[in-house]
Amino acid sequence: MEDDYWQVGLSKVFLKDYSFNALEDRRNITLSKFAIIVQAWWRMIVVRDYYREVKSCTIVCQKTWRCYIARKRYLRKKEAAITLQTQIRMFITRKKFLIALEKKREEERKKREEEERKRREEEERRRREEEEKKRKEEEEIKERIRKGESEAQVRAEIDYRHEVEEAKRQEEVQKHEEEKKKEEEKKKLEVLNIRELIAQKKGKLGASGYVKGTARGRTKTISKGKKKLRLEKEEEAVYEYKRKPRV
């Protein structure tokens, strides 16, 4: 700037229009530059905060979706594993059941054969006893007739003896039937008592596997597996009790 455009006084600087306008233009340019810097910095802060918020929301959405996909895949695998375990356990249990069933059928067949053999032996023994008895009665009748007794009287005595023996036999059979019936009723009553006990225990156990009324207001936890195992043992005890021979 030339010296003709400005002059210094005692306390002030005097400028001409041209010099003043040039300085004002330079000041405006400098202020505009700094204002642009401040605006850019503020816009950067706003956009950065918005970006961070969007990024956080995106991460949450991705995390939720991946969790859903992973959980769905896990549940599918769990269901497949449970199905496979069920089929394998069913196969093993069915195999054991068929073996036990075949064994039971074989035992029943042998038992029936043994009973049939005993029945035939008993019939044969009775037939021989009847024949021997009839032979002895005929000899007794002939002997008593030879001694001078009346044949009708002798046969009447023998018939009366037969009636007495038949009455005793019928009484023994009836007594045996009554004892057998009492024994069967006793077995049924014991089985019913065991079943009632099992039903009561089932009633005490809820769906969550808890038993109420324990000491100090606490609840005793019984796992479903242990509950099932105990009930199966009780049912097996009932089955073994049924199979146990009675003397």
C-alpha atoms as a PDB file:
ATOM      1  CA  MET A   1       0.000   0.000   0.000  1.00  0.00           C
ATOM      2  CA  GLU A   2       1.403   3.324  -0.972  1.00  0.00           C
ATOM      3  CA  ASP A   3       2.018   6.069   1.626  1.00  0.00           C
ATOM      4  CA  ASP A   4      -0.498   8.413  -0.041  1.00  0.00           C
ATOM      5  CA  TYR A   5      -3.451   6.149   0.938  1.00  0.00           C
ATOM      6  CA  TRP A   6      -2.993   6.293   4.735  1.00  0.00           C
ATOM      7  CA  GLN A   7      -1.648   8.626   7.449  1.00  0.00           C
ATOM      8  CA  VAL A   8      -0.930   8.177  11.156  1.00  0.00           C
ATOM      9  CA  GLY A   9      -2.250  10.688  13.645  1.00  0.00           C
ATOM     10  CA  LEU A  10      -1.671  11.032  17.388  1.00  0.00           C
ATOM     11  CA  SER A  11      -4.045   8.246  18.351  1.00  0.00           C
ATOM     12  CA  LYS A  12      -5.613   7.074  15.121  1.00  0.00           C
ATOM     13  CA  VAL A  13      -4.767   5.893  11.626  1.00  0.00           C
ATOM     14  CA  PHE A  14      -6.496   7.657   8.830  1.00  0.00           C
ATOM     15  CA  LEU A  15      -7.229   5.720   5.609  1.00  0.00           C
ATOM     16  CA  LYS A  16      -8.609   6.603   2.283  1.00  0.00           C
ATOM     17  CA  ASP A  17     -11.560   4.759   0.822  1.00  0.00           C
ATOM     18  CA  TYR A  18      -9.493   2.572  -1.390  1.00  0.00           C
ATOM     19  CA  SER A  19      -7.231   1.415   1.467  1.00  0.00           C
ATOM     20  CA  PHE A  20     -10.162   0.932   3.883  1.00  0.00           C
ATOM     21  CA  ASN A  21     -12.092  -1.131   1.325  1.00  0.00           C
ATOM     22  CA  ALA A  22      -9.052  -3.311   0.632  1.00  0.00           C
ATOM     23  CA  LEU A  23      -8.548  -4.018   4.361  1.00  0.00           C
ATOM     24  CA  GLU A  24     -12.273  -4.736   4.830  1.00  0.00           C
ATOM     25  CA  ASP A  25     -12.226  -7.177   1.913  1.00  0.00           C
ATOM     26  CA  ARG A  26      -9.221  -8.966   3.377  1.00  0.00           C
ATOM     27  CA  ARG A  27     -10.899  -9.092   6.835  1.00  0.00           C
ATOM     28  CA  ASN A  28     -14.109 -10.462   5.342  1.00  0.00           C
ATOM     29  CA  ILE A  29     -12.168 -13.132   3.445  1.00  0.00           C
ATOM     30  CA  THR A  30     -10.317 -14.155   6.630  1.00  0.00           C
ATOM     31  CA  LEU A  31     -13.545 -14.268   8.691  1.00  0.00           C
ATOM     32  CA  SER A  32     -15.306 -16.281   5.981  1.00  0.00           C
ATOM     33  CA  LYS A  33     -12.426 -18.744   5.912  1.00  0.00           C
ATOM     34  CA  PHE A  34     -12.521 -19.289   9.667  1.00  0.00           C
ATOM     35  CA  ALA A  35     -16.348 -19.502   9.634  1.00  0.00           C
ATOM     36  CA  ILE A  36     -16.150 -22.222   6.979  1.00  0.00           C
ATOM     37  CA  ILE A  37     -13.613 -24.107   9.135  1.00  0.00           C
ATOM     38  CA  VAL A  38     -15.922 -23.903  12.201  1.00  0.00           C
ATOM     39  CA  GLN A  39     -18.967 -25.004  10.164  1.00  0.00           C
ATOM     40  CA  ALA A  40     -17.060 -27.904   8.662  1.00  0.00           C
ATOM     41  CA  TRP A  41     -15.905 -29.007  12.119  1.00  0.00           C
ATOM     42  CA  TRP A  42     -19.474 -28.803  13.520  1.00  0.00           C
ATOM     43  CA  ARG A  43     -20.947 -30.703  10.547  1.00  0.00           C
ATOM     44  CA  MET A  44     -18.253 -33.343  11.028  1.00  0.00           C
ATOM     45  CA  ILE A  45     -19.292 -33.764  14.686  1.00  0.00           C
ATOM     46  CA  VAL A  46     -23.009 -34.074  13.781  1.00  0.00           C
ATOM     47  CA  VAL A  47     -22.376 -36.574  10.975  1.00  0.00           C
ATOM     48  CA  ARG A  48     -19.963 -38.565  13.142  1.00  0.00           C
ATOM     49  CA  ASP A  49     -22.539 -38.852  15.944  1.00  0.00           C
ATOM     50  CA  TYR A  50     -25.205 -39.892  13.426  1.00  0.00           C
ATOM     51  CA  TYR A  51     -22.811 -42.454  11.925  1.00  0.00           C
ATOM     52  CA  ARG A  52     -22.027 -43.898  15.351  1.00  0.00           C
ATOM     53  CA  GLU A  53     -25.742 -44.159  16.181  1.00  0.00           C
ATOM     54  CA  VAL A  54     -26.520 -45.866  12.869  1.00  0.00           C
ATOM     55  CA  LYS A  55     -23.547 -48.191  13.340  1.00  0.00           C
ATOM     56  CA  SER A  56     -24.721 -49.129  16.868  1.00  0.00           C
ATOM     57  CA  CYS A  57     -28.266 -49.820  15.626  1.00  0.00           C
ATOM     58  CA  THR A  58     -26.893 -51.854  12.726  1.00  0.00           C
ATOM     59  CA  ILE A  59     -24.744 -53.937  15.085  1.00  0.00           C
ATOM     60  CA  VAL A  60     -27.768 -54.579  17.339  1.00  0.00           C
ATOM     61  CA  CYS A  61     -29.883 -55.654  14.348  1.00  0.00           C
ATOM     62  CA  GLN A  62     -27.138 -57.920  13.034  1.00  0.00           C
ATOM     63  CA  LYS A  63     -26.584 -59.405  16.477  1.00  0.00           C
ATOM     64  CA  THR A  64     -30.310 -60.073  16.941  1.00  0.00           C
ATOM     65  CA  TRP A  65     -30.649 -61.655  13.493  1.00  0.00           C
ATOM     66  CA  ARG A  66     -27.563 -63.821  13.944  1.00  0.00           C
ATOM     67  CA  CYS A  67     -28.868 -64.885  17.376  1.00  0.00           C
ATOM     68  CA  TYR A  68     -32.216 -65.834  15.827  1.00  0.00           C
ATOM     69  CA  ILE A  69     -30.544 -67.815  13.031  1.00  0.00           C
ATOM     70  CA  ALA A  70     -28.157 -69.556  15.437  1.00  0.00           C
ATOM     71  CA  ARG A  71     -30.977 -70.378  17.880  1.00  0.00           C
ATOM     72  CA  LYS A  72     -33.142 -71.720  15.065  1.00  0.00           C
ATOM     73  CA  ARG A  73     -30.268 -73.870  13.809  1.00  0.00           C
ATOM     74  CA  TYR A  74     -29.565 -75.072  17.367  1.00  0.00           C
ATOM     75  CA  LEU A  75     -33.211 -75.985  17.967  1.00  0.00           C
ATOM     76  CA  ARG A  76     -33.313 -77.868  14.666  1.00  0.00           C
ATOM     77  CA  LYS A  77     -30.178 -79.818  15.612  1.00  0.00           C
ATOM     78  CA  LYS A  78     -31.531 -80.428  19.111  1.00  0.00           C
ATOM     79  CA  GLU A  79     -34.807 -81.751  17.726  1.00  0.00           C
ATOM     80  CA  ALA A  80     -32.923 -83.990  15.292  1.00  0.00           C
ATOM     81  CA  ALA A  81     -30.702 -85.275  18.117  1.00  0.00           C
ATOM     82  CA  ILE A  82     -33.720 -85.953  20.340  1.00  0.00           C
ATOM     83  CA  THR A  83     -35.449 -87.794  17.489  1.00  0.00           C
ATOM     84  CA  LEU A  84     -32.337 -89.862  16.846  1.00  0.00           C
ATOM     85  CA  GLN A  85     -31.926 -90.661  20.546  1.00  0.00           C
ATOM     86  CA  THR A  86     -35.600 -91.582  20.778  1.00  0.00           C
ATOM     87  CA  GLN A  87     -35.339 -93.938  17.810  1.00  0.00           C
ATOM     88  CA  ILE A  88     -32.186 -95.573  19.178  1.00  0.00           C
ATOM     89  CA  ARG A  89     -33.700 -95.978  22.656  1.00  0.00           C
ATOM     90  CA  MET A  90     -36.905 -97.303  21.109  1.00  0.00           C
ATOM     91  CA  PHE A  91     -34.900 -99.833  19.082  1.00  0.00           C
ATOM     92  CA  ILE A  92     -32.902-100.994  22.119  1.00  0.00           C
ATOM     93  CA  THR A  93     -35.984-101.130  24.365  1.00  0.00           C
ATOM     94  CA  ARG A  94     -38.003-102.932  21.694  1.00  0.00           C
ATOM     95  CA  LYS A  95     -35.228-105.467  21.249  1.00  0.00           C
ATOM     96  CA  LYS A  96     -35.096-106.095  25.010  1.00  0.00           C
ATOM     97  CA  PHE A  97     -38.894-106.263  25.127  1.00  0.00           C
ATOM     98  CA  LEU A  98     -39.028-108.803  22.285  1.00  0.00           C
ATOM     99  CA  ILE A  99     -36.370-110.924  23.994  1.00  0.00           C
ATOM    100  CA  ALA A 100     -38.275-110.750  27.298  1.00  0.00           C
ATOM    101  CA  LEU A 101     -41.561-111.475  25.489  1.00  0.00           C
ATOM    102  CA  GLU A 102     -40.066-114.469  23.722  1.00  0.00           C
ATOM    103  CA  LYS A 103     -38.626-115.693  26.999  1.00  0.00           C
ATOM    104  CA  LYS A 104     -41.984-115.245  28.696  1.00  0.00           C
ATOM    105  CA  ARG A 105     -43.770-117.094  25.901  1.00  0.00           C
ATOM    106  CA  GLU A 106     -41.235-119.897  26.122  1.00  0.00           C
ATOM    107  CA  GLU A 107     -41.753-120.076  29.880  1.00  0.00           C
ATOM    108  CA  GLU A 108     -45.527-120.106  29.436  1.00  0.00           C
ATOM    109  CA  ARG A 109     -45.258-122.794  26.764  1.00  0.00           C
ATOM    110  CA  LYS A 110     -43.083-124.935  29.014  1.00  0.00           C
ATOM    111  CA  LYS A 111     -45.458-124.276  31.886  1.00  0.00           C
ATOM    112  CA  ARG A 112     -48.448-125.346  29.777  1.00  0.00           C
ATOM    113  CA  GLU A 113     -46.607-128.455  28.621  1.00  0.00           C
ATOM    114  CA  GLU A 114     -45.690-129.264  32.211  1.00  0.00           C
ATOM    115  CA  GLU A 115     -49.274-128.726  33.353  1.00  0.00           C
ATOM    116  CA  GLU A 116     -50.561-130.855  30.480  1.00  0.00           C
ATOM    117  CA  ARG A 117     -48.095-133.615  31.359  1.00  0.00           C
ATOM    118  CA  LYS A 118     -49.078-133.471  35.022  1.00  0.00           C
ATOM    119  CA  ARG A 119     -52.760-133.508  34.064  1.00  0.00           C
ATOM    120  CA  ARG A 120     -52.271-136.565  31.898  1.00  0.00           C
ATOM    121  CA  GLU A 121     -50.258-138.321  34.603  1.00  0.00           C
ATOM    122  CA  GLU A 122     -52.954-137.414  37.132  1.00  0.00           C
ATOM    123  CA  GLU A 123     -55.688-138.749  34.841  1.00  0.00           C
ATOM    124  CA  GLU A 124     -53.715-141.915  34.229  1.00  0.00           C
ATOM    125  CA  ARG A 125     -53.144-142.338  37.952  1.00  0.00           C
ATOM    126  CA  ARG A 126     -56.823-141.784  38.699  1.00  0.00           C
ATOM    127  CA  ARG A 127     -57.837-144.203  35.975  1.00  0.00           C
ATOM    128  CA  ARG A 128     -55.549-146.874  37.412  1.00  0.00           C
ATOM    129  CA  GLU A 129     -56.799-146.163  40.913  1.00  0.00           C
ATOM    130  CA  GLU A 130     -60.405-146.444  39.701  1.00  0.00           C
ATOM    131  CA  GLU A 131     -59.656-149.725  37.957  1.00  0.00           C
ATOM    132  CA  GLU A 132     -57.843-151.044  41.015  1.00  0.00           C
ATOM    133  CA  LYS A 133     -60.674-149.865  43.227  1.00  0.00           C
ATOM    134  CA  LYS A 134     -63.307-151.505  41.036  1.00  0.00           C
ATOM    135  CA  ARG A 135     -61.330-154.746  40.962  1.00  0.00           C
ATOM    136  CA  LYS A 136     -61.029-154.754  44.751  1.00  0.00           C
ATOM    137  CA  GLU A 137     -64.739-153.952  45.120  1.00  0.00           C
ATOM    138  CA  GLU A 138     -65.663-156.854  42.818  1.00  0.00           C
ATOM    139  CA  GLU A 139     -63.416-159.164  44.817  1.00  0.00           C
ATOM    140  CA  GLU A 140     -64.942-157.861  48.053  1.00  0.00           C
ATOM    141  CA  ILE A 141     -68.474-158.415  46.693  1.00  0.00           C
ATOM    142  CA  LYS A 142     -67.631-161.973  45.614  1.00  0.00           C
ATOM    143  CA  GLU A 143     -65.974-162.698  48.943  1.00  0.00           C
ATOM    144  CA  ARG A 144     -68.907-161.385  50.962  1.00  0.00           C
ATOM    145  CA  ILE A 145     -71.428-163.220  48.774  1.00  0.00           C
ATOM    146  CA  ARG A 146     -69.414-166.380  49.291  1.00  0.00           C
ATOM    147  CA  LYS A 147     -69.726-165.809  53.031  1.00  0.00           C
ATOM    148  CA  GLY A 148     -73.514-165.688  52.716  1.00  0.00           C
ATOM    149  CA  GLU A 149     -74.311-161.946  52.625  1.00  0.00           C
ATOM    150  CA  SER A 150     -76.904-160.507  50.255  1.00  0.00           C
ATOM    151  CA  GLU A 151     -75.518-159.038  47.002  1.00  0.00           C
ATOM    152  CA  ALA A 152     -77.961-156.077  47.071  1.00  0.00           C
ATOM    153  CA  GLN A 153     -76.945-155.173  50.609  1.00  0.00           C
ATOM    154  CA  VAL A 154     -73.253-155.372  49.757  1.00  0.00           C
ATOM    155  CA  ARG A 155     -73.707-153.203  46.649  1.00  0.00           C
ATOM    156  CA  ALA A 156     -75.787-150.698  48.668  1.00  0.00           C
ATOM    157  CA  GLU A 157     -72.983-150.379  51.221  1.00  0.00           C
ATOM    158  CA  ILE A 158     -70.437-149.895  48.451  1.00  0.00           C
ATOM    159  CA  ASP A 159     -72.625-147.239  46.775  1.00  0.00           C
ATOM    160  CA  TYR A 160     -73.019-145.453  50.089  1.00  0.00           C
ATOM    161  CA  ARG A 161     -69.248-145.530  50.513  1.00  0.00           C
ATOM    162  CA  HIS A 162     -68.894-144.069  47.024  1.00  0.00           C
ATOM    163  CA  GLU A 163     -71.319-141.263  47.853  1.00  0.00           C
ATOM    164  CA  VAL A 164     -69.421-140.410  51.054  1.00  0.00           C
ATOM    165  CA  GLU A 165     -66.105-140.342  49.173  1.00  0.00           C
ATOM    166  CA  GLU A 166     -67.610-138.214  46.391  1.00  0.00           C
ATOM    167  CA  ALA A 167     -69.016-135.762  48.975  1.00  0.00           C
ATOM    168  CA  LYS A 168     -65.589-135.496  50.633  1.00  0.00           C
ATOM    169  CA  ARG A 169     -63.936-134.960  47.285  1.00  0.00           C
ATOM    170  CA  GLN A 170     -66.449-132.253  46.340  1.00  0.00           C
ATOM    171  CA  GLU A 171     -65.910-130.580  49.704  1.00  0.00           C
ATOM    172  CA  GLU A 172     -62.133-130.612  49.183  1.00  0.00           C
ATOM    173  CA  VAL A 173     -62.513-129.210  45.662  1.00  0.00           C
ATOM    174  CA  GLN A 174     -64.824-126.452  46.911  1.00  0.00           C
ATOM    175  CA  LYS A 175     -62.427-125.631  49.735  1.00  0.00           C
ATOM    176  CA  HIS A 176     -59.526-125.492  47.271  1.00  0.00           C
ATOM    177  CA  GLU A 177     -61.532-123.200  44.965  1.00  0.00           C
ATOM    178  CA  GLU A 178     -62.376-120.881  47.866  1.00  0.00           C
ATOM    179  CA  GLU A 179     -58.721-120.704  48.923  1.00  0.00           C
ATOM    180  CA  LYS A 180     -57.686-120.010  45.343  1.00  0.00           C
ATOM    181  CA  LYS A 181     -60.299-117.254  45.038  1.00  0.00           C
ATOM    182  CA  LYS A 182     -59.174-115.677  48.327  1.00  0.00           C
ATOM    183  CA  GLU A 183     -55.554-115.770  47.149  1.00  0.00           C
ATOM    184  CA  GLU A 184     -56.483-114.078  43.854  1.00  0.00           C
ATOM    185  CA  GLU A 185     -58.471-111.395  45.681  1.00  0.00           C
ATOM    186  CA  LYS A 186     -55.511-110.827  47.978  1.00  0.00           C
ATOM    187  CA  LYS A 187     -53.184-110.447  44.973  1.00  0.00           C
ATOM    188  CA  LYS A 188     -55.576-108.006  43.300  1.00  0.00           C
ATOM    189  CA  LEU A 189     -55.868-105.988  46.504  1.00  0.00           C
ATOM    190  CA  GLU A 190     -52.089-105.781  46.892  1.00  0.00           C
ATOM    191  CA  VAL A 191     -51.671-104.739  43.247  1.00  0.00           C
ATOM    192  CA  LEU A 192     -54.376-102.091  43.679  1.00  0.00           C
ATOM    193  CA  ASN A 193     -52.665-100.795  46.814  1.00  0.00           C
ATOM    194  CA  ILE A 194     -49.371-100.530  44.952  1.00  0.00           C
ATOM    195  CA  ARG A 195     -51.075 -98.765  42.049  1.00  0.00           C
ATOM    196  CA  GLU A 196     -52.788 -96.344  44.442  1.00  0.00           C
ATOM    197  CA  LEU A 197     -49.423 -95.621  46.055  1.00  0.00           C
ATOM    198  CA  ILE A 198     -47.903 -94.942  42.633  1.00  0.00           C
ATOM    199  CA  ALA A 199     -50.870 -92.725  41.711  1.00  0.00           C
ATOM    200  CA  GLN A 200     -50.499 -90.795  44.971  1.00  0.00           C
ATOM    201  CA  LYS A 201     -46.804 -90.246  44.312  1.00  0.00           C
ATOM    202  CA  LYS A 202     -47.614 -89.135  40.784  1.00  0.00           C
ATOM    203  CA  GLY A 203     -50.193 -86.718  42.186  1.00  0.00           C
ATOM    204  CA  LYS A 204     -47.676 -85.211  44.611  1.00  0.00           C
ATOM    205  CA  LEU A 205     -45.247 -84.540  41.782  1.00  0.00           C
ATOM    206  CA  GLY A 206     -46.177 -81.573  39.635  1.00  0.00           C
ATOM    207  CA  ALA A 207     -45.228 -80.848  36.053  1.00  0.00           C
ATOM    208  CA  SER A 208     -42.125 -78.976  37.227  1.00  0.00           C
ATOM    209  CA  GLY A 209     -40.946 -81.890  39.430  1.00  0.00           C
ATOM    210  CA  TYR A 210     -41.433 -80.288  42.879  1.00  0.00           C
ATOM    211  CA  VAL A 211     -42.816 -81.791  46.070  1.00  0.00           C
ATOM    212  CA  LYS A 212     -44.742 -79.516  48.442  1.00  0.00           C
ATOM    213  CA  GLY A 213     -44.702 -79.506  52.239  1.00  0.00           C
ATOM    214  CA  THR A 214     -41.005 -79.962  52.968  1.00  0.00           C
ATOM    215  CA  ALA A 215     -39.243 -78.750  56.093  1.00  0.00           C
ATOM    216  CA  ARG A 216     -38.694 -75.013  56.709  1.00  0.00           C
ATOM    217  CA  GLY A 217     -40.904 -74.053  53.795  1.00  0.00           C
ATOM    218  CA  ARG A 218     -38.358 -75.202  51.240  1.00  0.00           C
ATOM    219  CA  THR A 219     -39.122 -77.251  48.170  1.00  0.00           C
ATOM    220  CA  LYS A 220     -37.327 -80.486  47.433  1.00  0.00           C
ATOM    221  CA  THR A 221     -36.426 -80.781  43.780  1.00  0.00           C
ATOM    222  CA  ILE A 222     -36.786 -84.166  42.098  1.00  0.00           C
ATOM    223  CA  SER A 223     -35.605 -84.354  38.529  1.00  0.00           C
ATOM    224  CA  LYS A 224     -37.966 -85.780  35.932  1.00  0.00           C
ATOM    225  CA  GLY A 225     -35.444 -88.493  35.031  1.00  0.00           C
ATOM    226  CA  LYS A 226     -35.252 -89.727  38.643  1.00  0.00           C
ATOM    227  CA  LYS A 227     -39.039 -89.527  38.976  1.00  0.00           C
ATOM    228  CA  LYS A 228     -39.514 -91.573  35.800  1.00  0.00           C
ATOM    229  CA  LEU A 229     -36.890 -94.116  36.878  1.00  0.00           C
ATOM    230  CA  ARG A 230     -38.520 -94.547  40.283  1.00  0.00           C
ATOM    231  CA  LEU A 231     -41.974 -95.019  38.767  1.00  0.00           C
ATOM    232  CA  GLU A 232     -40.582 -97.553  36.295  1.00  0.00           C
ATOM    233  CA  LYS A 233     -38.990 -99.473  39.176  1.00  0.00           C
ATOM    234  CA  GLU A 234     -42.312 -99.504  41.025  1.00  0.00           C
ATOM    235  CA  GLU A 235     -44.116-100.782  37.922  1.00  0.00           C
ATOM    236  CA  GLU A 236     -41.459-103.466  37.496  1.00  0.00           C
ATOM    237  CA  ALA A 237     -41.974-104.414  41.144  1.00  0.00           C
ATOM    238  CA  VAL A 238     -45.708-104.792  40.461  1.00  0.00           C
ATOM    239  CA  TYR A 239     -44.951-106.947  37.410  1.00  0.00           C
ATOM    240  CA  GLU A 240     -42.482-109.113  39.348  1.00  0.00           C
ATOM    241  CA  TYR A 241     -45.000-109.425  42.170  1.00  0.00           C
ATOM    242  CA  LYS A 242     -47.596-110.709  39.685  1.00  0.00           C
ATOM    243  CA  ARG A 243     -45.123-113.228  38.248  1.00  0.00           C
ATOM    244  CA  LYS A 244     -43.950-114.449  41.638  1.00  0.00           C
ATOM    245  CA  PRO A 245     -45.398-117.931  42.308  1.00  0.00           C
ATOM    246  CA  ARG A 246     -47.597-118.308  45.364  1.00  0.00           C
ATOM    247  CA  VAL A 247     -47.308-121.275  47.710  1.00  0.00           C
END
